Amino acid sequence: MGEIDCAANVVLVHPDLASSDFHFFGPLKRHLGGMAFETEDDLISELRNWFDNLDVDFFRVGINSLLSRWQKCINLHGGYVEK
């Protein structure tokens, strides 16, 4: 396996680099913090509202930030990557 293949495998399976963890769930957790829902439908309604009101660049910014995080992981040979 070549150096690039090995680095790609580290990046693709590295738990510190799951984009959903550091870009998606943080803001969602902050948004939902302190809220209580009477029913599952109330929660679903709030989630839909949150998604509908996201800035148009929300996912673009998260995806674009992956490159620097992947590079950090490669430079650390798969070591822990801080935000």
Protein backbone atom coordinates (compact mmCIF):
# COMPACT_ATOMS: atom_id res chain seq x y z
CA MET A 1 0.00 0.00 0.00
CA GLY A 2 1.42 3.40 -0.97
CA GLU A 3 1.81 6.40 1.30
CA ILE A 4 -1.20 8.17 -0.21
CA ASP A 5 -3.41 5.07 0.07
CA CYS A 6 -2.39 4.60 3.70
CA ALA A 7 -3.03 8.25 4.56
CA ALA A 8 -6.41 8.12 2.86
CA ASN A 9 -7.40 5.07 4.90
CA VAL A 10 -6.41 6.81 8.14
CA VAL A 11 -8.44 9.86 7.19
CA LEU A 12 -11.53 8.00 6.06
CA VAL A 13 -11.88 5.95 9.25
CA HIS A 14 -10.51 8.42 11.79
CA PRO A 15 -13.20 9.21 14.41
CA ASP A 16 -11.84 12.71 15.05
CA LEU A 17 -12.64 13.69 11.49
CA ALA A 18 -16.31 12.90 11.23
CA SER A 19 -17.58 16.17 9.80
CA SER A 20 -21.01 15.66 11.29
CA ASP A 21 -19.55 15.54 14.78
CA PHE A 22 -17.77 18.86 14.80
CA HIS A 23 -19.79 20.90 12.35
CA PHE A 24 -23.34 19.63 12.41
CA PHE A 25 -24.11 18.32 15.88
CA GLY A 26 -22.46 21.15 17.85
CA PRO A 27 -24.73 23.88 16.49
CA LEU A 28 -27.75 21.58 16.64
CA LYS A 29 -27.00 20.75 20.27
CA ARG A 30 -26.67 24.45 21.12
CA HIS A 31 -29.95 25.18 19.35
CA LEU A 32 -31.86 22.44 21.16
CA GLY A 33 -30.19 23.08 24.53
CA GLY A 34 -32.75 23.61 27.27
CA MET A 35 -35.72 22.81 25.07
CA ALA A 36 -38.27 20.19 26.07
CA PHE A 37 -40.68 18.54 23.68
CA GLU A 38 -44.08 17.14 24.54
CA THR A 39 -44.18 14.84 21.54
CA GLU A 40 -41.90 13.42 18.88
CA ASP A 41 -43.80 15.53 16.35
CA ASP A 42 -42.84 18.68 18.29
CA LEU A 43 -39.18 17.67 18.09
CA ILE A 44 -39.44 16.89 14.39
CA SER A 45 -41.10 20.25 13.79
CA GLU A 46 -38.29 22.07 15.61
CA LEU A 47 -35.64 20.15 13.67
CA ARG A 48 -37.30 21.03 10.38
CA ASN A 49 -37.45 24.66 11.46
CA TRP A 50 -33.74 24.60 12.35
CA PHE A 51 -32.80 23.08 8.99
CA ASP A 52 -35.02 25.52 7.09
CA ASN A 53 -33.33 28.47 8.79
CA LEU A 54 -29.71 27.38 8.38
CA ASP A 55 -27.48 29.84 6.58
CA VAL A 56 -27.01 28.83 2.94
CA ASP A 57 -23.26 28.43 3.54
CA PHE A 58 -23.58 26.17 6.61
CA PHE A 59 -22.73 22.89 4.90
CA ARG A 60 -20.28 24.43 2.42
CA VAL A 61 -18.22 25.83 5.30
CA GLY A 62 -18.25 22.48 7.10
CA ILE A 63 -17.18 20.54 4.04
CA ASN A 64 -14.47 23.06 3.15
CA SER A 65 -13.00 22.82 6.67
CA LEU A 66 -12.42 19.09 6.22
CA LEU A 67 -9.32 19.61 4.09
CA SER A 68 -7.33 21.27 6.87
CA ARG A 69 -8.53 18.71 9.45
CA TRP A 70 -7.58 15.82 7.16
CA GLN A 71 -4.17 17.37 6.57
CA LYS A 72 -3.62 17.69 10.34
CA CYS A 73 -4.52 14.03 10.78
CA ILE A 74 -2.14 12.97 8.02
CA ASN A 75 0.65 15.11 9.49
CA LEU A 76 0.08 13.50 12.89
CA HIS A 77 0.02 10.01 11.31
CA GLY A 78 -3.53 9.45 12.49
CA GLY A 79 -3.09 11.10 15.90
CA TYR A 80 -5.80 13.04 17.72
CA VAL A 81 -6.99 16.19 15.93
CA GLU A 82 -8.35 19.12 17.93
CA LYS A 83 -10.94 21.44 16.40
